[in-house]
Every structure is written in structure tokens, then in C-alpha cells.
């Protein structure tokens, strides 16, 4: 009797395994077909987005080239601005700290290159006498700006109307 029950149980196990395999195969085919359909619907949108992005880049590059040609440069005789060479020097105390300063001068009349070079050397000499504690924080930077403006006014005798700080880095 045990043998007959065992013989009858095997076909049920085999048919259940076959039904599971067939169900998985059908689900796999449905999933693959659905993925193919969705991919076909989405792929044209992706290609359109890439083409739009390329067109935008080309437009930005053209605008940048056009903008560079149309904007005046900072240091020109037309707008009376002279940008000085960057000033890099160590501080008086602590001497292992360095400062880098870029300054532009706005002249009242036509720019004087010799005067600009003298002002550059004067600012460099002043920066070498400054300590880190004197230029710390926003108030220290304001004092530095005021001191540099005062030195420029003394040197230029009214020919420079404004000192513009472009960069100021302490290392």
C-alpha cells in the first residue's frame, strides 16, 4: 500500500514542478515583451533630449563667443582702468604667512602706466609691513583697504579716483 501511494505521489510532484517552470517561463516572456515595448516608447524621448542638450550647448558656446567679443576688457584705456600685476608677499608677522592681492586702479583721466607701476611697488612695500592680526576679519580688511587707498591718494595726487580690490588671499 505504501508503494502505491508513493507511485501516485510522483506524478503529482512532477506535474507541479512542470507547472511552476511553465509559469516562470510565461512570466519571463511577458516581462521581456513589456520591457521591449516600454523601451520602444521611451527611447525616442531620450534621443530627443540628447539632441536638445546638444543644441543648447551649441547655443551657449555661440553666445559666449559673442559675449566675449562685445564686452570691454577690465584693463583698457577706454574705461581708464589699469589692473596691476598680482602682489604676492610674506607678512611682517608671522613671516611664514603669505598674502596675494590683485588691485585695479580707476584713473580720472588717461591712465599713466609709470604711475601705476609706482603705486604697485608702494602697495607691495606696505603689505610687507602688515601683520596678520592687523588684517584679520572684515574690520581688518576695511583698514587695509583704507590704508591702501590713502597711499594711492598720496602717490597719485588726485589722478586715481578709486582702488578696486579684485582678490585678497592670506595663506
N, C-alpha and C. Protein backbone atom coordinates (compact mmCIF):
# COMPACT_ATOMS: atom_id res chain seq x y z
N UNK A 1 0.79 -1.16 0.00
CA UNK A 1 0.00 0.00 0.00
C UNK A 1 0.87 1.26 0.00
N UNK A 2 1.94 1.24 0.74
CA UNK A 2 2.85 2.38 0.77
C UNK A 2 3.48 2.58 -0.60
N UNK A 3 3.67 1.48 -1.30
CA UNK A 3 4.27 1.60 -2.64
C UNK A 3 3.31 2.28 -3.60
N UNK A 4 2.03 1.97 -3.53
CA UNK A 4 1.07 2.59 -4.43
C UNK A 4 0.91 4.08 -4.15
N UNK A 5 0.95 4.48 -2.89
CA UNK A 5 0.84 5.90 -2.57
C UNK A 5 2.08 6.66 -3.05
N UNK A 6 3.23 6.01 -2.95
CA UNK A 6 4.45 6.65 -3.43
C UNK A 6 4.44 6.78 -4.94
N UNK A 7 3.93 5.78 -5.63
CA UNK A 7 3.87 5.82 -7.08
C UNK A 7 2.88 6.87 -7.54
N UNK A 8 1.78 7.03 -6.83
CA UNK A 8 0.80 8.02 -7.22
C UNK A 8 1.28 9.44 -6.88
N UNK A 9 2.16 9.66 -5.88
CA UNK A 9 2.66 10.98 -5.46
C UNK A 9 3.68 11.54 -6.43
N UNK A 10 4.41 10.69 -7.12
CA UNK A 10 5.45 11.18 -8.02
C UNK A 10 4.87 11.94 -9.21
N UNK A 11 3.83 11.48 -9.86
CA UNK A 11 3.30 12.26 -10.96
C UNK A 11 2.75 13.61 -10.49
N UNK A 12 2.21 13.68 -9.30
CA UNK A 12 1.71 14.96 -8.81
C UNK A 12 2.86 15.93 -8.58
N UNK A 13 4.01 15.45 -8.06
CA UNK A 13 5.18 16.30 -7.85
C UNK A 13 5.76 16.75 -9.18
N UNK A 14 5.80 15.84 -10.15
CA UNK A 14 6.35 16.20 -11.46
C UNK A 14 5.45 17.20 -12.16
N UNK A 15 4.15 17.04 -12.08
CA UNK A 15 3.25 17.98 -12.76
C UNK A 15 3.27 19.34 -12.06
N UNK A 16 3.44 19.40 -10.74
CA UNK A 16 3.54 20.67 -10.02
C UNK A 16 4.83 21.39 -10.39
N UNK A 17 5.93 20.66 -10.52
CA UNK A 17 7.20 21.26 -10.93
C UNK A 17 7.10 21.79 -12.35
N UNK A 18 6.45 21.03 -13.22
CA UNK A 18 6.29 21.46 -14.61
C UNK A 18 5.41 22.72 -14.69
N UNK A 19 4.38 22.78 -13.86
CA UNK A 19 3.51 23.95 -13.87
C UNK A 19 4.26 25.19 -13.37
N UNK A 20 5.13 25.03 -12.37
CA UNK A 20 5.93 26.14 -11.85
C UNK A 20 6.90 26.64 -12.91
N UNK A 21 7.56 25.71 -13.59
CA UNK A 21 8.51 26.08 -14.65
C UNK A 21 7.78 26.77 -15.79
N UNK A 22 6.65 26.24 -16.19
CA UNK A 22 5.88 26.85 -17.27
C UNK A 22 5.41 28.25 -16.86
N UNK A 23 4.96 28.42 -15.62
CA UNK A 23 4.52 29.73 -15.14
C UNK A 23 5.66 30.75 -15.14
N UNK A 24 6.84 30.32 -14.69
CA UNK A 24 8.01 31.20 -14.70
C UNK A 24 8.41 31.58 -16.13
N UNK A 25 8.33 30.62 -17.05
CA UNK A 25 8.68 30.90 -18.44
C UNK A 25 7.71 31.91 -19.03
N UNK A 26 6.43 31.76 -18.76
CA UNK A 26 5.43 32.69 -19.29
C UNK A 26 5.64 34.09 -18.70
N UNK A 27 5.88 34.16 -17.38
CA UNK A 27 6.13 35.45 -16.76
C UNK A 27 7.40 36.11 -17.29
N UNK A 28 8.43 35.32 -17.56
CA UNK A 28 9.67 35.85 -18.12
C UNK A 28 9.43 36.42 -19.51
N UNK A 29 8.69 35.71 -20.33
CA UNK A 29 8.38 36.19 -21.68
C UNK A 29 7.52 37.46 -21.62
N UNK A 30 6.56 37.51 -20.72
CA UNK A 30 5.74 38.70 -20.58
C UNK A 30 6.58 39.89 -20.11
N UNK A 31 7.46 39.66 -19.16
CA UNK A 31 8.34 40.73 -18.67
C UNK A 31 9.27 41.24 -19.76
N UNK A 32 9.84 40.33 -20.55
CA UNK A 32 10.74 40.73 -21.64
C UNK A 32 9.97 41.52 -22.69
N UNK A 33 8.78 41.05 -23.04
CA UNK A 33 7.97 41.75 -24.04
C UNK A 33 7.55 43.12 -23.53
N UNK A 34 7.15 43.22 -22.28
CA UNK A 34 6.77 44.52 -21.72
C UNK A 34 7.94 45.47 -21.67
N UNK A 35 9.13 44.98 -21.32
CA UNK A 35 10.33 45.82 -21.31
C UNK A 35 10.67 46.33 -22.69
N UNK A 36 10.48 45.48 -23.69
CA UNK A 36 10.76 45.88 -25.08
C UNK A 36 9.79 46.98 -25.53
N UNK A 37 8.52 46.84 -25.17
CA UNK A 37 7.52 47.83 -25.56
C UNK A 37 7.80 49.16 -24.85
N UNK A 38 8.04 49.12 -23.55
CA UNK A 38 8.32 50.35 -22.81
C UNK A 38 9.61 51.00 -23.32
N UNK A 39 10.63 50.20 -23.60
CA UNK A 39 11.88 50.74 -24.14
C UNK A 39 11.66 51.42 -25.48
N UNK A 40 10.80 50.86 -26.30
CA UNK A 40 10.48 51.48 -27.59
C UNK A 40 9.75 52.79 -27.43
N UNK A 41 8.94 52.91 -26.40
CA UNK A 41 8.22 54.16 -26.15
C UNK A 41 9.13 55.23 -25.57
N UNK A 42 10.07 54.85 -24.71
CA UNK A 42 10.92 55.81 -24.00
C UNK A 42 12.14 56.21 -24.83
N UNK A 43 12.68 55.31 -25.63
CA UNK A 43 13.92 55.57 -26.37
C UNK A 43 13.83 56.80 -27.26
N UNK A 44 12.75 57.04 -28.01
CA UNK A 44 12.71 58.28 -28.81
C UNK A 44 12.77 59.53 -27.94
N UNK A 45 12.19 59.48 -26.75
CA UNK A 45 12.25 60.64 -25.86
C UNK A 45 13.67 60.90 -25.39
N UNK A 46 14.43 59.86 -25.13
CA UNK A 46 15.82 60.01 -24.70
C UNK A 46 16.65 60.61 -25.83
N UNK A 47 16.46 60.13 -27.05
CA UNK A 47 17.20 60.68 -28.19
C UNK A 47 16.85 62.15 -28.40
N UNK A 48 15.59 62.50 -28.24
CA UNK A 48 15.18 63.90 -28.38
C UNK A 48 15.80 64.77 -27.31
N UNK A 49 15.92 64.27 -26.09
CA UNK A 49 16.54 65.03 -25.01
C UNK A 49 18.02 65.25 -25.27
N UNK A 50 18.69 64.23 -25.80
CA UNK A 50 20.12 64.38 -26.11
C UNK A 50 20.33 65.39 -27.22
N UNK A 51 19.47 65.38 -28.23
CA UNK A 51 19.59 66.35 -29.31
C UNK A 51 19.31 67.76 -28.80
N UNK A 52 18.34 67.91 -27.91
CA UNK A 52 18.04 69.23 -27.34
C UNK A 52 19.21 69.73 -26.49
N UNK A 53 19.86 68.83 -25.75
CA UNK A 53 21.00 69.21 -24.93
C UNK A 53 22.18 69.65 -25.81
N UNK A 54 22.41 68.94 -26.91
CA UNK A 54 23.49 69.33 -27.82
C UNK A 54 23.20 70.68 -28.46
N UNK A 55 21.96 70.93 -28.82
CA UNK A 55 21.59 72.22 -29.40
C UNK A 55 21.78 73.34 -28.39
N UNK A 56 21.45 73.07 -27.12
CA UNK A 56 21.62 74.08 -26.07
C UNK A 56 23.10 74.39 -25.86
N UNK A 57 23.96 73.34 -25.87
CA UNK A 57 25.40 73.57 -25.72
C UNK A 57 25.93 74.42 -26.86
N UNK A 58 25.51 74.13 -28.08
CA UNK A 58 25.97 74.91 -29.24
C UNK A 58 25.51 76.36 -29.12
N UNK A 59 24.30 76.56 -28.65
CA UNK A 59 23.78 77.92 -28.47
C UNK A 59 24.55 78.67 -27.40
N UNK A 60 24.87 78.00 -26.28
CA UNK A 60 25.64 78.62 -25.20
C UNK A 60 27.04 79.00 -25.65
N UNK A 61 27.68 78.11 -26.43
CA UNK A 61 29.03 78.41 -26.94
C UNK A 61 29.00 79.61 -27.87
N UNK A 62 27.99 79.69 -28.72
CA UNK A 62 27.88 80.82 -29.64
C UNK A 62 27.64 82.12 -28.86
N UNK A 63 26.80 82.05 -27.82
CA UNK A 63 26.54 83.24 -27.00
C UNK A 63 27.78 83.67 -26.24
N UNK A 64 28.57 82.69 -25.78
CA UNK A 64 29.79 83.02 -25.05
C UNK A 64 30.80 83.70 -25.98
N UNK A 65 30.95 83.19 -27.19
CA UNK A 65 31.87 83.82 -28.15
C UNK A 65 31.40 85.22 -28.49
N UNK A 66 30.11 85.38 -28.67
CA UNK A 66 29.56 86.68 -28.98
C UNK A 66 29.72 87.64 -27.81
N UNK A 67 29.53 87.14 -26.58
CA UNK A 67 29.68 87.96 -25.38
C UNK A 67 31.10 88.40 -25.16
N UNK A 68 32.06 87.52 -25.45
CA UNK A 68 33.46 87.89 -25.28
C UNK A 68 33.85 89.00 -26.24
N UNK A 69 33.29 88.98 -27.43
CA UNK A 69 33.62 90.00 -28.41
C UNK A 69 32.96 91.33 -28.04
N UNK A 70 31.77 91.30 -27.42
CA UNK A 70 31.03 92.52 -27.16
C UNK A 70 31.39 93.21 -25.86
N UNK A 71 31.93 92.51 -24.86
CA UNK A 71 32.23 93.14 -23.58
C UNK A 71 33.62 93.75 -23.58
N UNK A 72 33.76 94.94 -23.04
CA UNK A 72 35.09 95.52 -22.94
C UNK A 72 35.88 94.82 -21.83
N UNK A 73 37.17 94.73 -22.02
CA UNK A 73 38.01 94.11 -21.00
C UNK A 73 38.21 95.10 -19.86
N UNK A 74 38.58 94.57 -18.69
CA UNK A 74 38.68 95.40 -17.49
C UNK A 74 39.75 96.46 -17.65
N UNK A 75 40.90 96.09 -18.11
CA UNK A 75 42.03 97.00 -18.16
C UNK A 75 42.19 97.57 -19.56
N UNK A 76 41.56 98.70 -19.81
CA UNK A 76 41.67 99.34 -21.12
C UNK A 76 41.82 100.84 -20.93
N UNK A 77 42.32 101.49 -21.95
CA UNK A 77 42.41 102.94 -21.91
C UNK A 77 41.04 103.57 -22.10
N UNK A 78 40.12 102.83 -22.72
CA UNK A 78 38.79 103.38 -22.98
C UNK A 78 38.03 103.64 -21.69
N UNK A 79 38.18 102.77 -20.70
CA UNK A 79 37.45 102.98 -19.45
C UNK A 79 38.36 103.43 -18.32
N UNK A 80 39.61 103.79 -18.62
CA UNK A 80 40.56 104.36 -17.67
C UNK A 80 40.87 103.47 -16.48
N UNK A 81 40.84 102.16 -16.67
CA UNK A 81 41.14 101.21 -15.61
C UNK A 81 42.45 100.50 -15.93
N UNK A 82 43.31 100.41 -14.94
CA UNK A 82 44.57 99.67 -15.09
C UNK A 82 44.60 98.62 -14.00
N UNK A 83 44.73 97.37 -14.42
CA UNK A 83 44.86 96.29 -13.43
C UNK A 83 46.34 96.07 -13.17
N UNK A 84 46.72 96.13 -11.89
CA UNK A 84 48.11 95.94 -11.51
C UNK A 84 48.44 94.45 -11.50
N UNK A 85 49.70 94.16 -11.64
CA UNK A 85 50.15 92.77 -11.53
C UNK A 85 49.84 92.27 -10.12
N UNK A 86 49.59 90.96 -9.96
CA UNK A 86 49.30 90.44 -8.61
C UNK A 86 50.46 90.69 -7.66
N UNK A 87 50.13 91.07 -6.44
CA UNK A 87 51.12 91.33 -5.40
C UNK A 87 51.16 90.11 -4.50
N UNK A 88 52.30 89.45 -4.43
CA UNK A 88 52.47 88.29 -3.57
C UNK A 88 53.67 88.55 -2.67
N UNK A 89 53.42 88.51 -1.36
CA UNK A 89 54.48 88.82 -0.41
C UNK A 89 54.19 88.13 0.92
N UNK A 90 55.26 87.96 1.70
CA UNK A 90 55.03 87.45 3.05
C UNK A 90 54.70 88.63 3.96
N UNK A 91 54.01 88.33 5.06
CA UNK A 91 53.63 89.37 6.01
C UNK A 91 54.77 89.65 6.97
N UNK A 92 54.67 90.77 7.68
CA UNK A 92 55.71 91.11 8.65
C UNK A 92 55.70 90.12 9.80
N UNK A 93 54.51 89.82 10.32
CA UNK A 93 54.41 88.84 11.41
C UNK A 93 53.12 88.08 11.26
N UNK A 94 53.08 86.82 11.32
CA UNK A 94 54.17 85.85 11.24
C UNK A 94 54.70 85.80 9.81
N UNK A 95 55.99 85.71 9.70
CA UNK A 95 56.62 85.82 8.38
C UNK A 95 56.39 84.60 7.51
N UNK A 96 55.89 83.49 8.07
CA UNK A 96 55.60 82.33 7.23
C UNK A 96 54.24 82.44 6.54
N UNK A 97 53.44 83.44 6.87
CA UNK A 97 52.17 83.68 6.19
C UNK A 97 52.39 84.55 4.97
N UNK A 98 51.67 84.22 3.90
CA UNK A 98 51.79 84.95 2.64
C UNK A 98 50.45 85.60 2.32
N UNK A 99 50.52 86.66 1.55
CA UNK A 99 49.32 87.34 1.09
C UNK A 99 49.43 87.54 -0.43
N UNK A 100 48.30 87.36 -1.11
CA UNK A 100 48.21 87.63 -2.55
C UNK A 100 47.07 88.63 -2.74
N UNK A 101 47.40 89.69 -3.46
CA UNK A 101 46.48 90.80 -3.61
C UNK A 101 46.47 91.24 -5.06
N UNK A 102 45.27 91.35 -5.65
CA UNK A 102 45.14 91.88 -7.00
C UNK A 102 44.31 93.16 -6.92
N UNK A 103 44.84 94.21 -7.49
CA UNK A 103 44.23 95.53 -7.38
C UNK A 103 44.12 96.14 -8.77
N UNK A 104 43.03 96.87 -9.00
CA UNK A 104 42.87 97.65 -10.22
C UNK A 104 42.67 99.11 -9.83
N UNK A 105 43.18 100.00 -10.66
CA UNK A 105 43.10 101.43 -10.38
C UNK A 105 42.22 102.11 -11.41
N UNK A 106 41.31 102.96 -10.95
CA UNK A 106 40.46 103.75 -11.85
C UNK A 106 41.01 105.16 -11.90
N UNK A 107 41.52 105.54 -13.04
CA UNK A 107 42.12 106.86 -13.22
C UNK A 107 41.04 107.88 -13.59
N UNK A 108 41.26 109.13 -13.19
CA UNK A 108 40.34 110.21 -13.55
C UNK A 108 40.46 110.55 -15.03
N UNK A 109 41.66 110.55 -15.54
CA UNK A 109 41.91 110.85 -16.94
C UNK A 109 42.53 109.63 -17.61
N UNK A 110 43.35 109.88 -18.62
CA UNK A 110 44.01 108.74 -19.27
C UNK A 110 44.97 108.05 -18.30
N UNK A 111 45.04 106.73 -18.34
CA UNK A 111 45.89 106.01 -17.39
C UNK A 111 47.37 106.29 -17.62
N UNK A 112 48.10 106.37 -16.53
CA UNK A 112 49.54 106.58 -16.56
C UNK A 112 50.21 105.29 -16.09
N UNK A 113 50.89 104.60 -17.00
CA UNK A 113 51.49 103.30 -16.70
C UNK A 113 52.62 103.45 -15.70
N UNK A 114 53.42 104.48 -15.81
CA UNK A 114 54.53 104.69 -14.88
C UNK A 114 54.01 104.91 -13.46
N UNK A 115 52.97 105.70 -13.34
CA UNK A 115 52.36 105.94 -12.04
C UNK A 115 51.77 104.64 -11.48
N UNK A 116 51.16 103.85 -12.33
CA UNK A 116 50.58 102.57 -11.89
C UNK A 116 51.68 101.65 -11.37
N UNK A 117 52.83 101.61 -12.02
CA UNK A 117 53.94 100.79 -11.54
C UNK A 117 54.48 101.29 -10.20
N UNK A 118 54.54 102.60 -10.03
CA UNK A 118 54.98 103.15 -8.75
C UNK A 118 54.00 102.81 -7.63
N UNK A 119 52.72 102.89 -7.94
CA UNK A 119 51.69 102.54 -6.95
C UNK A 119 51.79 101.06 -6.61
N UNK A 120 52.04 100.23 -7.59
CA UNK A 120 52.21 98.78 -7.36
C UNK A 120 53.34 98.53 -6.38
N UNK A 121 54.48 99.18 -6.59
CA UNK A 121 55.62 98.99 -5.70
C UNK A 121 55.34 99.55 -4.30
N UNK A 122 54.60 100.63 -4.23
CA UNK A 122 54.26 101.22 -2.94
C UNK A 122 53.33 100.29 -2.15
N UNK A 123 52.35 99.71 -2.82
CA UNK A 123 51.44 98.78 -2.15
C UNK A 123 52.21 97.55 -1.69
N UNK A 124 53.12 97.05 -2.52
CA UNK A 124 53.94 95.89 -2.14
C UNK A 124 54.77 96.19 -0.89
N UNK A 125 55.38 97.37 -0.84
CA UNK A 125 56.17 97.75 0.32
C UNK A 125 55.28 97.86 1.57
N UNK A 126 54.07 98.37 1.41
CA UNK A 126 53.17 98.48 2.55
C UNK A 126 52.73 97.10 3.06
N UNK A 127 52.39 96.19 2.14
CA UNK A 127 51.91 94.86 2.53
C UNK A 127 52.97 94.11 3.31
N UNK A 128 54.23 94.36 3.02
CA UNK A 128 55.31 93.69 3.75
C UNK A 128 55.42 94.16 5.20
N UNK A 129 54.82 95.29 5.52
CA UNK A 129 54.89 95.81 6.89
C UNK A 129 53.67 95.45 7.73
N UNK A 130 52.69 94.79 7.14
CA UNK A 130 51.43 94.47 7.82
C UNK A 130 51.56 93.13 8.52
N UNK A 131 50.96 93.04 9.73
CA UNK A 131 50.93 91.76 10.44
C UNK A 131 49.57 91.10 10.22
N UNK A 132 49.51 89.81 10.48
CA UNK A 132 48.28 89.06 10.28
C UNK A 132 47.17 89.57 11.18
N UNK A 133 47.50 89.98 12.40
CA UNK A 133 46.49 90.47 13.33
C UNK A 133 45.84 91.77 12.83
N UNK A 134 46.57 92.57 12.06
CA UNK A 134 46.03 93.83 11.56
C UNK A 134 44.99 93.63 10.46
N UNK A 135 45.07 92.52 9.73
CA UNK A 135 44.16 92.33 8.60
C UNK A 135 43.15 91.20 8.84
N UNK A 136 43.05 90.72 10.08
CA UNK A 136 42.10 89.66 10.39
C UNK A 136 40.67 90.19 10.40
N UNK A 137 39.77 89.44 9.83
CA UNK A 137 38.35 89.75 9.88
C UNK A 137 37.95 90.86 8.94
N UNK A 138 36.66 91.14 8.90
CA UNK A 138 36.15 92.17 7.99
C UNK A 138 36.64 93.58 8.35
N UNK A 139 36.76 93.85 9.63
CA UNK A 139 37.24 95.18 10.03
C UNK A 139 38.70 95.36 9.63
N UNK A 140 39.51 94.32 9.79
CA UNK A 140 40.91 94.40 9.38
C UNK A 140 41.05 94.61 7.88
N UNK A 141 40.17 93.96 7.11
CA UNK A 141 40.21 94.16 5.66
C UNK A 141 39.81 95.59 5.30
N UNK A 142 38.84 96.14 6.00
CA UNK A 142 38.45 97.54 5.76
C UNK A 142 39.61 98.48 6.06
N UNK A 143 40.33 98.20 7.15
CA UNK A 143 41.50 99.03 7.48
C UNK A 143 42.57 98.92 6.39
N UNK A 144 42.78 97.71 5.89
CA UNK A 144 43.75 97.51 4.81
C UNK A 144 43.34 98.30 3.57
N UNK A 145 42.06 98.22 3.20
CA UNK A 145 41.57 98.96 2.04
C UNK A 145 41.76 100.46 2.23
N UNK A 146 41.45 100.95 3.41
CA UNK A 146 41.60 102.38 3.68
C UNK A 146 43.07 102.80 3.61
N UNK A 147 43.95 101.99 4.17
CA UNK A 147 45.38 102.31 4.13
C UNK A 147 45.92 102.31 2.71
N UNK A 148 45.52 101.34 1.92
CA UNK A 148 45.98 101.28 0.52
C UNK A 148 45.42 102.47 -0.25
N UNK A 149 44.15 102.81 -0.03
CA UNK A 149 43.56 103.97 -0.71
C UNK A 149 44.30 105.26 -0.33
N UNK A 150 44.66 105.38 0.94
CA UNK A 150 45.40 106.56 1.39
C UNK A 150 46.78 106.64 0.72
N UNK A 151 47.47 105.52 0.63
CA UNK A 151 48.79 105.51 -0.03
C UNK A 151 48.67 105.85 -1.51
N UNK A 152 47.63 105.32 -2.16
CA UNK A 152 47.41 105.63 -3.58
C UNK A 152 47.10 107.11 -3.76
N UNK A 153 46.28 107.66 -2.88
CA UNK A 153 45.96 109.09 -2.97
C UNK A 153 47.20 109.95 -2.81
N UNK A 154 48.08 109.56 -1.88
CA UNK A 154 49.32 110.33 -1.69
C UNK A 154 50.22 110.23 -2.91
N UNK A 155 50.33 109.06 -3.47
CA UNK A 155 51.23 108.84 -4.61
C UNK A 155 50.67 109.45 -5.89
N UNK A 156 49.35 109.31 -6.12
CA UNK A 156 48.76 109.73 -7.40
C UNK A 156 48.39 111.20 -7.42
N UNK A 157 48.29 111.85 -6.29
CA UNK A 157 47.96 113.26 -6.18
C UNK A 157 46.65 113.59 -6.92
N UNK A 158 45.63 112.74 -6.69
CA UNK A 158 44.31 113.00 -7.25
C UNK A 158 44.06 112.44 -8.64
N UNK A 159 45.04 111.81 -9.26
CA UNK A 159 44.82 111.27 -10.61
C UNK A 159 44.14 109.91 -10.59
N UNK A 160 44.12 109.22 -9.44
CA UNK A 160 43.42 107.94 -9.30
C UNK A 160 42.21 108.16 -8.41
N UNK A 161 41.03 107.84 -8.94
CA UNK A 161 39.81 108.09 -8.16
C UNK A 161 39.40 106.91 -7.29
N UNK A 162 39.75 105.70 -7.68
CA UNK A 162 39.28 104.55 -6.92
C UNK A 162 40.27 103.40 -7.02
N UNK A 163 40.41 102.67 -5.92
CA UNK A 163 41.21 101.44 -5.87
C UNK A 163 40.23 100.29 -5.73
N UNK A 164 40.29 99.36 -6.67
CA UNK A 164 39.36 98.22 -6.65
C UNK A 164 40.13 96.94 -6.32
N UNK A 165 39.74 96.30 -5.24
CA UNK A 165 40.36 95.03 -4.85
C UNK A 165 39.67 93.91 -5.61
N UNK A 166 40.45 93.17 -6.38
CA UNK A 166 39.88 92.05 -7.14
C UNK A 166 39.99 90.74 -6.37
N UNK A 167 41.15 90.48 -5.79
CA UNK A 167 41.30 89.28 -4.94
C UNK A 167 42.17 89.64 -3.74
N UNK A 168 41.94 88.89 -2.66
CA UNK A 168 42.73 89.06 -1.45
C UNK A 168 42.77 87.71 -0.76
N UNK A 169 43.94 87.10 -0.74
CA UNK A 169 44.09 85.76 -0.16
C UNK A 169 45.25 85.78 0.82
N UNK A 170 45.01 85.25 2.01
CA UNK A 170 46.06 85.09 3.01
C UNK A 170 46.28 83.60 3.22
N UNK A 171 47.52 83.19 3.14
CA UNK A 171 47.84 81.77 3.33
C UNK A 171 48.75 81.62 4.50
